[in-house]
Amino acid sequence: MLPEQFETARLILRPIMAEDAPAIFTGYARDPDVARYLMWRPHQNLADTESYIATRTAAPADRVRTYVLIGHDDRRLLGAFELRRPEPHRLDCGYVLARPFRGHGLMTEALAEVAQWAMQQESIWRIGAVCDVENRASARVMEKAGLEREGILRRWLVHPNISPEPRDCFSYARVRQGVDESSTGRTAARAGCAGSASPPSAENGL
């Protein structure tokens, strides 16, 4: 089961509910600028948002959970954060923030909290996310939250508000080291200096 709630100094992340539809629709779901790098088109009416929430609340809570970001002080709905567990050892995530609340480090704060929780779980070794290569703001959020850029995934996702063709994405992740990883890395490095090591293989986990 994914957590019921996360809490930071300024935010509460709680599960999305049907009652959130009006705030989500007026706050960001109908905004073309917010939806630019998302995988769905701006909502045209409240029914679109209600349908979106219904699909999120129907998902099994041990595999995926969508949270809304609530301001600690004013209890305003600021955005959403989706946490997914496609395999037992790893998580991936996505997020969206209403325009008026950008530039204040809120999403970085939320992602850092979730990533820290993930790294404290014995069975979880990785939390990752991707963003369009032109979405510099999202890339900065992940970097400031402690995720490292792994590379570029070519033709990875379709962002319909930009193009019908799949686009390149940056892959970011934070991973937990195994007991033997440090010593193995040092051994491989020494072998590489001697010219006897084979090139490392690359594998995408998202």
N, C-alpha and C. Protein backbone atom coordinates (compact mmCIF):
# COMPACT_ATOMS: atom_id res chain seq x y z
N MET A 1 0.84 -1.20 0.00
CA MET A 1 0.00 0.00 0.00
C MET A 1 0.88 1.25 0.00
N LEU A 2 0.60 2.15 -0.90
CA LEU A 2 1.30 3.43 -0.90
C LEU A 2 0.74 4.30 0.22
N PRO A 3 1.53 5.25 0.71
CA PRO A 3 1.10 6.02 1.88
C PRO A 3 -0.22 6.74 1.68
N GLU A 4 -0.96 6.87 2.76
CA GLU A 4 -2.22 7.60 2.74
C GLU A 4 -1.98 9.09 2.60
N GLN A 5 -0.87 9.58 3.13
CA GLN A 5 -0.64 11.02 3.15
C GLN A 5 0.85 11.32 3.33
N PHE A 6 1.27 12.43 2.75
CA PHE A 6 2.59 12.99 3.02
C PHE A 6 2.38 14.40 3.57
N GLU A 7 3.36 14.86 4.35
CA GLU A 7 3.25 16.21 4.89
C GLU A 7 4.62 16.86 4.92
N THR A 8 4.68 18.12 4.50
CA THR A 8 5.91 18.89 4.55
C THR A 8 5.65 20.16 5.35
N ALA A 9 6.63 21.04 5.38
CA ALA A 9 6.47 22.29 6.13
C ALA A 9 5.32 23.12 5.59
N ARG A 10 5.12 23.09 4.28
CA ARG A 10 4.10 23.94 3.68
C ARG A 10 2.95 23.20 3.02
N LEU A 11 3.05 21.89 2.93
CA LEU A 11 2.09 21.13 2.12
C LEU A 11 1.54 19.91 2.84
N ILE A 12 0.34 19.56 2.46
CA ILE A 12 -0.25 18.26 2.78
C ILE A 12 -0.57 17.58 1.45
N LEU A 13 -0.10 16.36 1.26
CA LEU A 13 -0.44 15.57 0.09
C LEU A 13 -1.41 14.49 0.54
N ARG A 14 -2.64 14.62 0.13
CA ARG A 14 -3.65 13.63 0.51
C ARG A 14 -4.31 13.08 -0.75
N PRO A 15 -4.97 11.89 -0.66
CA PRO A 15 -5.56 11.29 -1.86
C PRO A 15 -6.60 12.20 -2.51
N ILE A 16 -6.63 12.19 -3.83
CA ILE A 16 -7.60 12.96 -4.59
C ILE A 16 -9.00 12.43 -4.31
N MET A 17 -10.00 13.32 -4.32
CA MET A 17 -11.39 12.94 -4.04
C MET A 17 -12.31 13.58 -5.08
N ALA A 18 -13.49 13.00 -5.22
CA ALA A 18 -14.47 13.54 -6.17
C ALA A 18 -14.79 15.00 -5.89
N GLU A 19 -14.78 15.37 -4.61
CA GLU A 19 -15.10 16.74 -4.23
C GLU A 19 -14.06 17.76 -4.69
N ASP A 20 -12.90 17.28 -5.15
CA ASP A 20 -11.85 18.18 -5.60
C ASP A 20 -12.07 18.69 -7.03
N ALA A 21 -13.05 18.15 -7.72
CA ALA A 21 -13.22 18.46 -9.15
C ALA A 21 -13.30 19.95 -9.45
N PRO A 22 -14.14 20.73 -8.78
CA PRO A 22 -14.21 22.17 -9.13
C PRO A 22 -12.89 22.90 -8.94
N ALA A 23 -12.18 22.61 -7.86
CA ALA A 23 -10.91 23.29 -7.60
C ALA A 23 -9.85 22.89 -8.62
N ILE A 24 -9.85 21.62 -9.02
CA ILE A 24 -8.88 21.16 -10.01
C ILE A 24 -9.19 21.77 -11.37
N PHE A 25 -10.45 21.77 -11.75
CA PHE A 25 -10.83 22.30 -13.06
C PHE A 25 -10.50 23.78 -13.18
N THR A 26 -10.91 24.57 -12.21
CA THR A 26 -10.67 26.02 -12.29
C THR A 26 -9.22 26.37 -11.98
N GLY A 27 -8.55 25.54 -11.17
CA GLY A 27 -7.20 25.88 -10.73
C GLY A 27 -6.13 25.61 -11.77
N TYR A 28 -6.23 24.47 -12.49
CA TYR A 28 -5.16 24.17 -13.46
C TYR A 28 -5.55 23.26 -14.61
N ALA A 29 -6.57 22.42 -14.46
CA ALA A 29 -6.84 21.40 -15.48
C ALA A 29 -7.30 21.99 -16.82
N ARG A 30 -7.89 23.17 -16.80
CA ARG A 30 -8.35 23.80 -18.05
C ARG A 30 -7.31 24.75 -18.64
N ASP A 31 -6.16 24.90 -17.98
CA ASP A 31 -5.15 25.87 -18.38
C ASP A 31 -4.22 25.27 -19.44
N PRO A 32 -4.22 25.77 -20.67
CA PRO A 32 -3.36 25.21 -21.72
C PRO A 32 -1.87 25.29 -21.38
N ASP A 33 -1.48 26.33 -20.67
CA ASP A 33 -0.07 26.47 -20.31
C ASP A 33 0.36 25.37 -19.34
N VAL A 34 -0.48 25.06 -18.39
CA VAL A 34 -0.18 24.00 -17.43
C VAL A 34 -0.13 22.64 -18.13
N ALA A 35 -1.03 22.42 -19.07
CA ALA A 35 -1.13 21.12 -19.74
C ALA A 35 -0.11 20.92 -20.86
N ARG A 36 0.67 21.94 -21.17
CA ARG A 36 1.56 21.87 -22.34
C ARG A 36 2.41 20.61 -22.36
N TYR A 37 3.03 20.26 -21.26
CA TYR A 37 3.94 19.12 -21.23
C TYR A 37 3.32 17.88 -20.58
N LEU A 38 1.99 17.88 -20.46
CA LEU A 38 1.31 16.73 -19.88
C LEU A 38 0.81 15.80 -20.97
N MET A 39 0.34 14.64 -20.57
CA MET A 39 -0.11 13.63 -21.53
C MET A 39 -1.61 13.70 -21.80
N TRP A 40 -2.26 14.72 -21.24
CA TRP A 40 -3.67 14.92 -21.52
C TRP A 40 -3.92 16.36 -21.94
N ARG A 41 -4.99 16.55 -22.70
CA ARG A 41 -5.34 17.88 -23.18
C ARG A 41 -6.08 18.65 -22.10
N PRO A 42 -6.08 19.97 -22.17
CA PRO A 42 -6.82 20.76 -21.17
C PRO A 42 -8.28 20.32 -21.09
N HIS A 43 -8.79 20.26 -19.88
CA HIS A 43 -10.19 19.88 -19.69
C HIS A 43 -11.11 20.97 -20.22
N GLN A 44 -12.13 20.56 -20.92
CA GLN A 44 -13.07 21.50 -21.51
C GLN A 44 -14.22 21.86 -20.58
N ASN A 45 -14.53 20.99 -19.65
CA ASN A 45 -15.65 21.23 -18.73
C ASN A 45 -15.42 20.42 -17.46
N LEU A 46 -16.28 20.65 -16.49
CA LEU A 46 -16.14 19.99 -15.20
C LEU A 46 -16.27 18.47 -15.33
N ALA A 47 -17.07 18.02 -16.30
CA ALA A 47 -17.25 16.58 -16.49
C ALA A 47 -15.93 15.90 -16.85
N ASP A 48 -15.08 16.59 -17.61
CA ASP A 48 -13.77 16.03 -17.93
C ASP A 48 -12.97 15.79 -16.66
N THR A 49 -13.00 16.74 -15.76
CA THR A 49 -12.25 16.62 -14.51
C THR A 49 -12.84 15.53 -13.63
N GLU A 50 -14.13 15.45 -13.58
CA GLU A 50 -14.78 14.40 -12.78
C GLU A 50 -14.41 13.01 -13.31
N SER A 51 -14.34 12.87 -14.63
CA SER A 51 -13.95 11.59 -15.22
C SER A 51 -12.50 11.26 -14.90
N TYR A 52 -11.65 12.27 -14.97
CA TYR A 52 -10.24 12.09 -14.62
C TYR A 52 -10.09 11.61 -13.18
N ILE A 53 -10.80 12.23 -12.25
CA ILE A 53 -10.71 11.85 -10.84
C ILE A 53 -11.22 10.42 -10.64
N ALA A 54 -12.29 10.07 -11.35
CA ALA A 54 -12.86 8.72 -11.22
C ALA A 54 -11.85 7.65 -11.61
N THR A 55 -11.08 7.90 -12.67
CA THR A 55 -10.08 6.91 -13.07
C THR A 55 -8.96 6.82 -12.03
N ARG A 56 -8.62 7.94 -11.40
CA ARG A 56 -7.55 7.93 -10.41
C ARG A 56 -7.99 7.24 -9.11
N THR A 57 -9.18 7.47 -8.67
CA THR A 57 -9.65 6.85 -7.43
C THR A 57 -9.96 5.37 -7.60
N ALA A 58 -10.17 4.93 -8.85
CA ALA A 58 -10.45 3.52 -9.10
C ALA A 58 -9.17 2.68 -9.15
N ALA A 59 -8.02 3.31 -9.25
CA ALA A 59 -6.76 2.58 -9.36
C ALA A 59 -6.42 1.90 -8.03
N PRO A 60 -5.81 0.72 -8.08
CA PRO A 60 -5.44 0.01 -6.83
C PRO A 60 -4.39 0.81 -6.05
N ALA A 61 -4.65 1.05 -4.79
CA ALA A 61 -3.79 1.93 -3.99
C ALA A 61 -2.43 1.34 -3.69
N ASP A 62 -2.24 0.06 -3.96
CA ASP A 62 -0.91 -0.53 -3.77
C ASP A 62 -0.03 -0.38 -5.00
N ARG A 63 -0.64 0.08 -6.12
CA ARG A 63 0.12 0.25 -7.37
C ARG A 63 0.23 1.71 -7.81
N VAL A 64 -0.79 2.49 -7.55
CA VAL A 64 -0.77 3.89 -7.97
C VAL A 64 -1.67 4.70 -7.06
N ARG A 65 -1.22 5.91 -6.74
CA ARG A 65 -2.03 6.79 -5.91
C ARG A 65 -1.81 8.23 -6.37
N THR A 66 -2.91 8.94 -6.55
CA THR A 66 -2.85 10.34 -6.92
C THR A 66 -3.22 11.19 -5.71
N TYR A 67 -2.32 12.11 -5.38
CA TYR A 67 -2.52 13.01 -4.26
C TYR A 67 -2.76 14.42 -4.78
N VAL A 68 -3.51 15.20 -4.04
CA VAL A 68 -3.58 16.63 -4.32
C VAL A 68 -2.70 17.36 -3.31
N LEU A 69 -2.11 18.45 -3.76
CA LEU A 69 -1.27 19.28 -2.89
C LEU A 69 -2.15 20.34 -2.26
N ILE A 70 -2.19 20.35 -0.95
CA ILE A 70 -3.00 21.30 -0.20
C ILE A 70 -2.07 22.20 0.62
N GLY A 71 -2.29 23.51 0.53
CA GLY A 71 -1.49 24.44 1.31
C GLY A 71 -1.76 24.29 2.80
N HIS A 72 -0.71 24.23 3.58
CA HIS A 72 -0.85 24.05 5.03
C HIS A 72 -1.65 25.18 5.66
N ASP A 73 -1.38 26.39 5.25
CA ASP A 73 -1.97 27.54 5.92
C ASP A 73 -3.38 27.85 5.45
N ASP A 74 -3.57 27.90 4.12
CA ASP A 74 -4.88 28.34 3.60
C ASP A 74 -5.75 27.20 3.11
N ARG A 75 -5.21 25.97 3.08
CA ARG A 75 -5.95 24.79 2.63
C ARG A 75 -6.42 24.89 1.17
N ARG A 76 -5.70 25.68 0.37
CA ARG A 76 -6.01 25.77 -1.05
C ARG A 76 -5.43 24.57 -1.79
N LEU A 77 -6.13 24.13 -2.83
CA LEU A 77 -5.62 23.05 -3.66
C LEU A 77 -4.68 23.65 -4.69
N LEU A 78 -3.43 23.20 -4.71
CA LEU A 78 -2.39 23.82 -5.51
C LEU A 78 -1.98 23.02 -6.73
N GLY A 79 -2.18 21.71 -6.67
CA GLY A 79 -1.74 20.86 -7.77
C GLY A 79 -1.97 19.40 -7.42
N ALA A 80 -1.26 18.52 -8.13
CA ALA A 80 -1.43 17.09 -7.89
C ALA A 80 -0.10 16.38 -8.07
N PHE A 81 0.00 15.21 -7.44
CA PHE A 81 1.22 14.39 -7.49
C PHE A 81 0.79 12.94 -7.60
N GLU A 82 1.27 12.26 -8.62
CA GLU A 82 0.91 10.84 -8.79
C GLU A 82 2.13 9.97 -8.51
N LEU A 83 1.95 8.98 -7.65
CA LEU A 83 3.01 8.05 -7.28
C LEU A 83 2.62 6.66 -7.75
N ARG A 84 3.51 6.02 -8.50
CA ARG A 84 3.21 4.72 -9.09
C ARG A 84 4.27 3.70 -8.68
N ARG A 85 3.82 2.45 -8.52
CA ARG A 85 4.75 1.37 -8.19
C ARG A 85 4.59 0.26 -9.23
N PRO A 86 5.20 0.43 -10.41
CA PRO A 86 5.02 -0.56 -11.48
C PRO A 86 5.64 -1.91 -11.16
N GLU A 87 6.68 -1.89 -10.31
CA GLU A 87 7.30 -3.13 -9.84
C GLU A 87 7.63 -2.97 -8.36
N PRO A 88 7.73 -4.08 -7.63
CA PRO A 88 7.92 -3.96 -6.18
C PRO A 88 9.15 -3.17 -5.77
N HIS A 89 10.20 -3.16 -6.59
CA HIS A 89 11.45 -2.52 -6.17
C HIS A 89 11.59 -1.08 -6.60
N ARG A 90 10.63 -0.53 -7.35
CA ARG A 90 10.82 0.82 -7.86
C ARG A 90 9.51 1.60 -7.96
N LEU A 91 9.66 2.91 -7.91
CA LEU A 91 8.54 3.84 -8.05
C LEU A 91 8.81 4.79 -9.19
N ASP A 92 7.75 5.30 -9.79
CA ASP A 92 7.89 6.47 -10.64
C ASP A 92 6.78 7.44 -10.31
N CYS A 93 6.89 8.67 -10.80
CA CYS A 93 5.95 9.69 -10.38
C CYS A 93 5.76 10.75 -11.45
N GLY A 94 4.71 11.54 -11.27
CA GLY A 94 4.43 12.68 -12.11
C GLY A 94 3.75 13.74 -11.27
N TYR A 95 3.76 14.98 -11.77
CA TYR A 95 3.21 16.06 -10.95
C TYR A 95 2.76 17.22 -11.82
N VAL A 96 1.88 18.04 -11.25
CA VAL A 96 1.38 19.23 -11.92
C VAL A 96 1.07 20.28 -10.87
N LEU A 97 1.37 21.54 -11.21
CA LEU A 97 1.17 22.64 -10.26
C LEU A 97 0.49 23.80 -10.98
N ALA A 98 -0.51 24.38 -10.33
CA ALA A 98 -1.20 25.53 -10.90
C ALA A 98 -0.24 26.70 -11.08
N ARG A 99 -0.46 27.49 -12.13
CA ARG A 99 0.48 28.57 -12.47
C ARG A 99 0.75 29.56 -11.33
N PRO A 100 -0.26 30.00 -10.57
CA PRO A 100 0.01 31.01 -9.54
C PRO A 100 0.99 30.56 -8.46
N PHE A 101 1.22 29.25 -8.35
CA PHE A 101 2.04 28.74 -7.26
C PHE A 101 3.42 28.28 -7.72
N ARG A 102 3.73 28.53 -8.97
CA ARG A 102 5.06 28.18 -9.48
C ARG A 102 6.12 29.15 -8.94
N GLY A 103 7.34 28.68 -8.94
CA GLY A 103 8.44 29.55 -8.57
C GLY A 103 8.68 29.70 -7.08
N HIS A 104 7.99 28.90 -6.27
CA HIS A 104 8.15 29.00 -4.81
C HIS A 104 8.74 27.73 -4.20
N GLY A 105 9.18 26.80 -5.02
CA GLY A 105 9.78 25.58 -4.51
C GLY A 105 8.82 24.56 -3.94
N LEU A 106 7.53 24.72 -4.22
CA LEU A 106 6.54 23.82 -3.62
C LEU A 106 6.63 22.40 -4.16
N MET A 107 6.77 22.26 -5.48
CA MET A 107 6.83 20.91 -6.03
C MET A 107 8.16 20.24 -5.67
N THR A 108 9.22 21.02 -5.61
CA THR A 108 10.49 20.46 -5.15
C THR A 108 10.35 19.93 -3.72
N GLU A 109 9.65 20.68 -2.89
CA GLU A 109 9.43 20.27 -1.50
C GLU A 109 8.64 18.96 -1.44
N ALA A 110 7.61 18.87 -2.27
CA ALA A 110 6.78 17.65 -2.29
C ALA A 110 7.58 16.45 -2.79
N LEU A 111 8.29 16.62 -3.90
CA LEU A 111 9.05 15.51 -4.47
C LEU A 111 10.17 15.07 -3.55
N ALA A 112 10.85 16.00 -2.92
CA ALA A 112 11.93 15.65 -2.00
C ALA A 112 11.40 14.81 -0.83
N GLU A 113 10.22 15.16 -0.33
CA GLU A 113 9.62 14.41 0.77
C GLU A 113 9.28 12.98 0.34
N VAL A 114 8.67 12.85 -0.83
CA VAL A 114 8.30 11.53 -1.33
C VAL A 114 9.55 10.69 -1.60
N ALA A 115 10.56 11.30 -2.21
CA ALA A 115 11.80 10.57 -2.50
C ALA A 115 12.50 10.11 -1.22
N GLN A 116 12.50 10.97 -0.21
CA GLN A 116 13.11 10.60 1.06
C GLN A 116 12.38 9.42 1.69
N TRP A 117 11.05 9.46 1.65
CA TRP A 117 10.27 8.32 2.16
C TRP A 117 10.64 7.05 1.40
N ALA A 118 10.71 7.15 0.07
CA ALA A 118 10.99 5.97 -0.75
C ALA A 118 12.32 5.34 -0.38
N MET A 119 13.34 6.18 -0.18
CA MET A 119 14.66 5.66 0.13
C MET A 119 14.75 5.02 1.51
N GLN A 120 13.76 5.26 2.34
CA GLN A 120 13.74 4.67 3.68
C GLN A 120 12.99 3.33 3.71
N GLN A 121 12.40 2.94 2.57
CA GLN A 121 11.65 1.68 2.50
C GLN A 121 12.58 0.55 2.09
N GLU A 122 12.59 -0.51 2.86
CA GLU A 122 13.54 -1.60 2.64
C GLU A 122 13.41 -2.21 1.24
N SER A 123 12.20 -2.27 0.72
CA SER A 123 11.99 -2.97 -0.55
C SER A 123 12.09 -2.06 -1.78
N ILE A 124 12.24 -0.76 -1.58
CA ILE A 124 12.27 0.17 -2.71
C ILE A 124 13.71 0.64 -2.95
N TRP A 125 14.17 0.51 -4.19
CA TRP A 125 15.54 0.84 -4.53
C TRP A 125 15.65 2.04 -5.46
N ARG A 126 14.54 2.47 -5.99
CA ARG A 126 14.60 3.52 -7.01
C ARG A 126 13.29 4.30 -7.05
N ILE A 127 13.39 5.61 -7.23
CA ILE A 127 12.24 6.43 -7.58
C ILE A 127 12.68 7.29 -8.77
N GLY A 128 11.89 7.28 -9.81
CA GLY A 128 12.28 7.98 -11.03
C GLY A 128 11.13 8.74 -11.65
N ALA A 129 11.48 9.59 -12.62
CA ALA A 129 10.49 10.36 -13.36
C ALA A 129 11.13 10.83 -14.66
N VAL A 130 10.31 11.23 -15.59
CA VAL A 130 10.81 11.76 -16.85
C VAL A 130 10.14 13.11 -17.12
N CYS A 131 10.79 13.90 -17.98
CA CYS A 131 10.17 15.14 -18.44
C CYS A 131 10.64 15.43 -19.86
N ASP A 132 9.82 16.14 -20.61
CA ASP A 132 10.19 16.54 -21.95
C ASP A 132 11.50 17.32 -21.92
N VAL A 133 12.33 17.14 -22.93
CA VAL A 133 13.64 17.80 -22.93
C VAL A 133 13.54 19.32 -22.96
N GLU A 134 12.39 19.85 -23.36
CA GLU A 134 12.20 21.29 -23.36
C GLU A 134 11.58 21.81 -22.06
N ASN A 135 11.18 20.89 -21.19
CA ASN A 135 10.53 21.28 -19.94
C ASN A 135 11.59 21.51 -18.86
N ARG A 136 12.29 22.63 -18.98
CA ARG A 136 13.40 22.93 -18.07
C ARG A 136 12.94 23.12 -16.63
N ALA A 137 11.74 23.66 -16.45
CA ALA A 137 11.24 23.88 -15.09
C ALA A 137 11.08 22.56 -14.35
N SER A 138 10.53 21.55 -15.02
CA SER A 138 10.36 20.25 -14.39
C SER A 138 11.71 19.60 -14.13
N ALA A 139 12.65 19.76 -15.04
CA ALA A 139 13.99 19.21 -14.83
C ALA A 139 14.63 19.82 -13.58
N ARG A 140 14.45 21.13 -13.40
CA ARG A 140 15.02 21.79 -12.23
C ARG A 140 14.39 21.28 -10.94
N VAL A 141 13.08 21.03 -10.97
CA VAL A 141 12.40 20.49 -9.79
C VAL A 141 13.05 19.18 -9.37
N MET A 142 13.27 18.29 -10.33
CA MET A 142 13.84 16.99 -9.99
C MET A 142 15.27 17.11 -9.49
N GLU A 143 16.04 17.97 -10.13
CA GLU A 143 17.43 18.15 -9.69
C GLU A 143 17.50 18.71 -8.27
N LYS A 144 16.67 19.70 -7.99
CA LYS A 144 16.68 20.30 -6.66
C LYS A 144 16.16 19.33 -5.59
N ALA A 145 15.32 18.38 -6.01
CA ALA A 145 14.79 17.39 -5.07
C ALA A 145 15.75 16.22 -4.85
N GLY A 146 16.90 16.23 -5.52
CA GLY A 146 17.90 15.21 -5.29
C GLY A 146 17.93 14.08 -6.29
N LEU A 147 17.14 14.17 -7.37
CA LEU A 147 17.19 13.16 -8.41
C LEU A 147 18.29 13.52 -9.41
N GLU A 148 18.92 12.52 -9.98
CA GLU A 148 20.01 12.74 -10.91
C GLU A 148 19.59 12.39 -12.33
N ARG A 149 20.06 13.19 -13.28
CA ARG A 149 19.74 12.93 -14.68
C ARG A 149 20.54 11.72 -15.17
N GLU A 150 19.83 10.74 -15.72
CA GLU A 150 20.46 9.52 -16.20
C GLU A 150 20.76 9.56 -17.70
N GLY A 151 19.98 10.33 -18.43
CA GLY A 151 20.17 10.36 -19.87
C GLY A 151 18.92 10.80 -20.58
N ILE A 152 18.89 10.58 -21.88
CA ILE A 152 17.74 10.96 -22.72
C ILE A 152 17.09 9.70 -23.26
N LEU A 153 15.77 9.64 -23.14
CA LEU A 153 14.97 8.56 -23.71
C LEU A 153 14.41 9.07 -25.03
N ARG A 154 14.88 8.54 -26.11
CA ARG A 154 14.48 9.01 -27.44
C ARG A 154 13.06 8.56 -27.78
N ARG A 155 12.28 9.53 -28.27
CA ARG A 155 10.91 9.25 -28.73
C ARG A 155 10.13 8.49 -27.66
N TRP A 156 10.14 9.01 -26.44
CA TRP A 156 9.64 8.26 -25.28
C TRP A 156 8.15 8.47 -25.02
N LEU A 157 7.68 9.73 -25.06
CA LEU A 157 6.29 10.02 -24.71
C LEU A 157 5.65 10.95 -25.73
N VAL A 158 4.35 10.78 -25.90
CA VAL A 158 3.58 11.71 -26.72
C VAL A 158 2.99 12.79 -25.82
N HIS A 159 3.32 14.03 -26.10
CA HIS A 159 2.71 15.16 -25.42
C HIS A 159 1.78 15.83 -26.43
N PRO A 160 0.50 15.47 -26.39
CA PRO A 160 -0.42 15.86 -27.47
C PRO A 160 -0.63 17.35 -27.63
N ASN A 161 -0.30 18.13 -26.60
CA ASN A 161 -0.46 19.58 -26.72
C ASN A 161 0.70 20.23 -27.47
N ILE A 162 1.73 19.43 -27.77
CA ILE A 162 2.87 19.92 -28.53
C ILE A 162 2.93 19.28 -29.91
N SER A 163 2.80 17.95 -29.95
CA SER A 163 2.96 17.21 -31.20
C SER A 163 2.31 15.84 -31.09
N PRO A 164 1.82 15.29 -32.20
CA PRO A 164 1.30 13.92 -32.18
C PRO A 164 2.40 12.87 -32.19
N GLU A 165 3.64 13.30 -32.41
CA GLU A 165 4.77 12.37 -32.44
C GLU A 165 5.38 12.22 -31.05
N PRO A 166 5.89 11.02 -30.73
CA PRO A 166 6.58 10.86 -29.44
C PRO A 166 7.83 11.72 -29.39
N ARG A 167 8.09 12.25 -28.21
CA ARG A 167 9.17 13.22 -28.03
C ARG A 167 10.25 12.67 -27.09
N ASP A 168 11.43 13.27 -27.19
CA ASP A 168 12.53 12.89 -26.31
C ASP A 168 12.27 13.39 -24.90
N CYS A 169 12.70 12.60 -23.93
CA CYS A 169 12.52 12.96 -22.52
C CYS A 169 13.82 12.74 -21.76
N PHE A 170 14.05 13.58 -20.75
CA PHE A 170 15.11 13.34 -19.79
C PHE A 170 14.61 12.31 -18.77
N SER A 171 15.48 11.39 -18.41
CA SER A 171 15.19 10.43 -17.35
C SER A 171 15.96 10.83 -16.09
N TYR A 172 15.24 10.92 -14.98
CA TYR A 172 15.83 11.26 -13.68
C TYR A 172 15.50 10.16 -12.67
N ALA A 173 16.37 9.98 -11.71
CA ALA A 173 16.10 9.00 -10.65
C ALA A 173 16.95 9.27 -9.42
N ARG A 174 16.45 8.78 -8.31
CA ARG A 174 17.25 8.66 -7.09
C ARG A 174 17.24 7.20 -6.72
N VAL A 175 18.42 6.65 -6.43
CA VAL A 175 18.51 5.23 -6.15
C VAL A 175 19.21 4.99 -4.81
N ARG A 176 18.93 3.84 -4.24
CA ARG A 176 19.54 3.45 -2.97
C ARG A 176 20.66 2.46 -3.26
N GLN A 177 21.82 2.67 -2.68
CA GLN A 177 22.96 1.78 -2.91
C GLN A 177 22.81 0.48 -2.14
N GLY A 178 23.27 -0.59 -2.78
CA GLY A 178 23.33 -1.87 -2.10
C GLY A 178 24.57 -1.97 -1.23
N VAL A 179 24.63 -2.99 -0.39
CA VAL A 179 25.75 -3.17 0.54
C VAL A 179 27.07 -3.31 -0.21
N ASP A 180 27.06 -4.03 -1.32
CA ASP A 180 28.30 -4.31 -2.05
C ASP A 180 28.57 -3.34 -3.17
N GLU A 181 27.69 -2.36 -3.37
CA GLU A 181 27.80 -1.51 -4.56
C GLU A 181 29.06 -0.66 -4.55
N SER A 182 29.43 -0.09 -3.41
CA SER A 182 30.60 0.79 -3.36
C SER A 182 31.88 0.03 -3.69
N SER A 183 32.04 -1.14 -3.08
CA SER A 183 33.26 -1.90 -3.35
C SER A 183 33.28 -2.42 -4.77
N THR A 184 32.12 -2.82 -5.30
CA THR A 184 32.04 -3.28 -6.69
C THR A 184 32.41 -2.17 -7.64
N GLY A 185 31.91 -0.95 -7.33
CA GLY A 185 32.21 0.19 -8.18
C GLY A 185 33.69 0.50 -8.19
N ARG A 186 34.35 0.40 -7.03
CA ARG A 186 35.78 0.68 -6.97
C ARG A 186 36.57 -0.35 -7.76
N THR A 187 36.13 -1.63 -7.68
CA THR A 187 36.81 -2.68 -8.43
C THR A 187 36.69 -2.46 -9.92
N ALA A 188 35.47 -2.11 -10.37
CA ALA A 188 35.23 -1.87 -11.79
C ALA A 188 36.03 -0.68 -12.28
N ALA A 189 36.15 0.34 -11.43
CA ALA A 189 36.89 1.53 -11.82
C ALA A 189 38.37 1.20 -12.02
N ARG A 190 38.92 0.38 -11.10
CA ARG A 190 40.33 0.00 -11.25
C ARG A 190 40.54 -0.82 -12.51
N ALA A 191 39.58 -1.72 -12.82
CA ALA A 191 39.68 -2.53 -14.03
C ALA A 191 39.60 -1.67 -15.26
N GLY A 192 38.74 -0.64 -15.18
CA GLY A 192 38.60 0.26 -16.32
C GLY A 192 39.88 1.02 -16.58
N CYS A 193 40.58 1.42 -15.54
CA CYS A 193 41.86 2.13 -15.71
C CYS A 193 42.88 1.23 -16.38
N ALA A 194 42.76 -0.06 -16.15
CA ALA A 194 43.70 -1.00 -16.74
C ALA A 194 43.33 -1.35 -18.17
N GLY A 195 42.13 -0.91 -18.59
CA GLY A 195 41.70 -1.13 -19.96
C GLY A 195 41.09 -2.50 -20.19
N SER A 196 40.73 -3.21 -19.13
CA SER A 196 40.22 -4.57 -19.30
C SER A 196 38.73 -4.68 -19.06
N ALA A 197 38.07 -3.59 -18.66
CA ALA A 197 36.64 -3.66 -18.36
C ALA A 197 35.82 -3.43 -19.61
N SER A 198 34.70 -4.13 -19.73
CA SER A 198 33.79 -3.91 -20.85
C SER A 198 32.95 -2.69 -20.57
N PRO A 199 32.39 -2.02 -21.60
CA PRO A 199 31.57 -0.82 -21.38
C PRO A 199 30.33 -1.16 -20.55
N PRO A 200 29.89 -0.22 -19.71
CA PRO A 200 28.68 -0.47 -18.91
C PRO A 200 27.46 -0.53 -19.80
N SER A 201 26.50 -1.36 -19.41
CA SER A 201 25.24 -1.44 -20.15
C SER A 201 24.26 -0.42 -19.60
N ALA A 202 23.35 0.04 -20.44
CA ALA A 202 22.35 1.02 -20.02
C ALA A 202 20.98 0.38 -20.08
N GLU A 203 20.22 0.56 -19.01
CA GLU A 203 18.89 -0.02 -18.96
C GLU A 203 17.94 1.00 -18.35
N ASN A 204 16.87 1.28 -19.05
CA ASN A 204 15.89 2.23 -18.53
C ASN A 204 14.90 1.52 -17.63
N GLY A 205 14.62 2.12 -16.46
CA GLY A 205 13.71 1.50 -15.51
C GLY A 205 12.35 2.13 -15.45
N LEU A 206 12.05 3.07 -16.37
CA LEU A 206 10.74 3.72 -16.30
C LEU A 206 9.76 3.10 -17.27
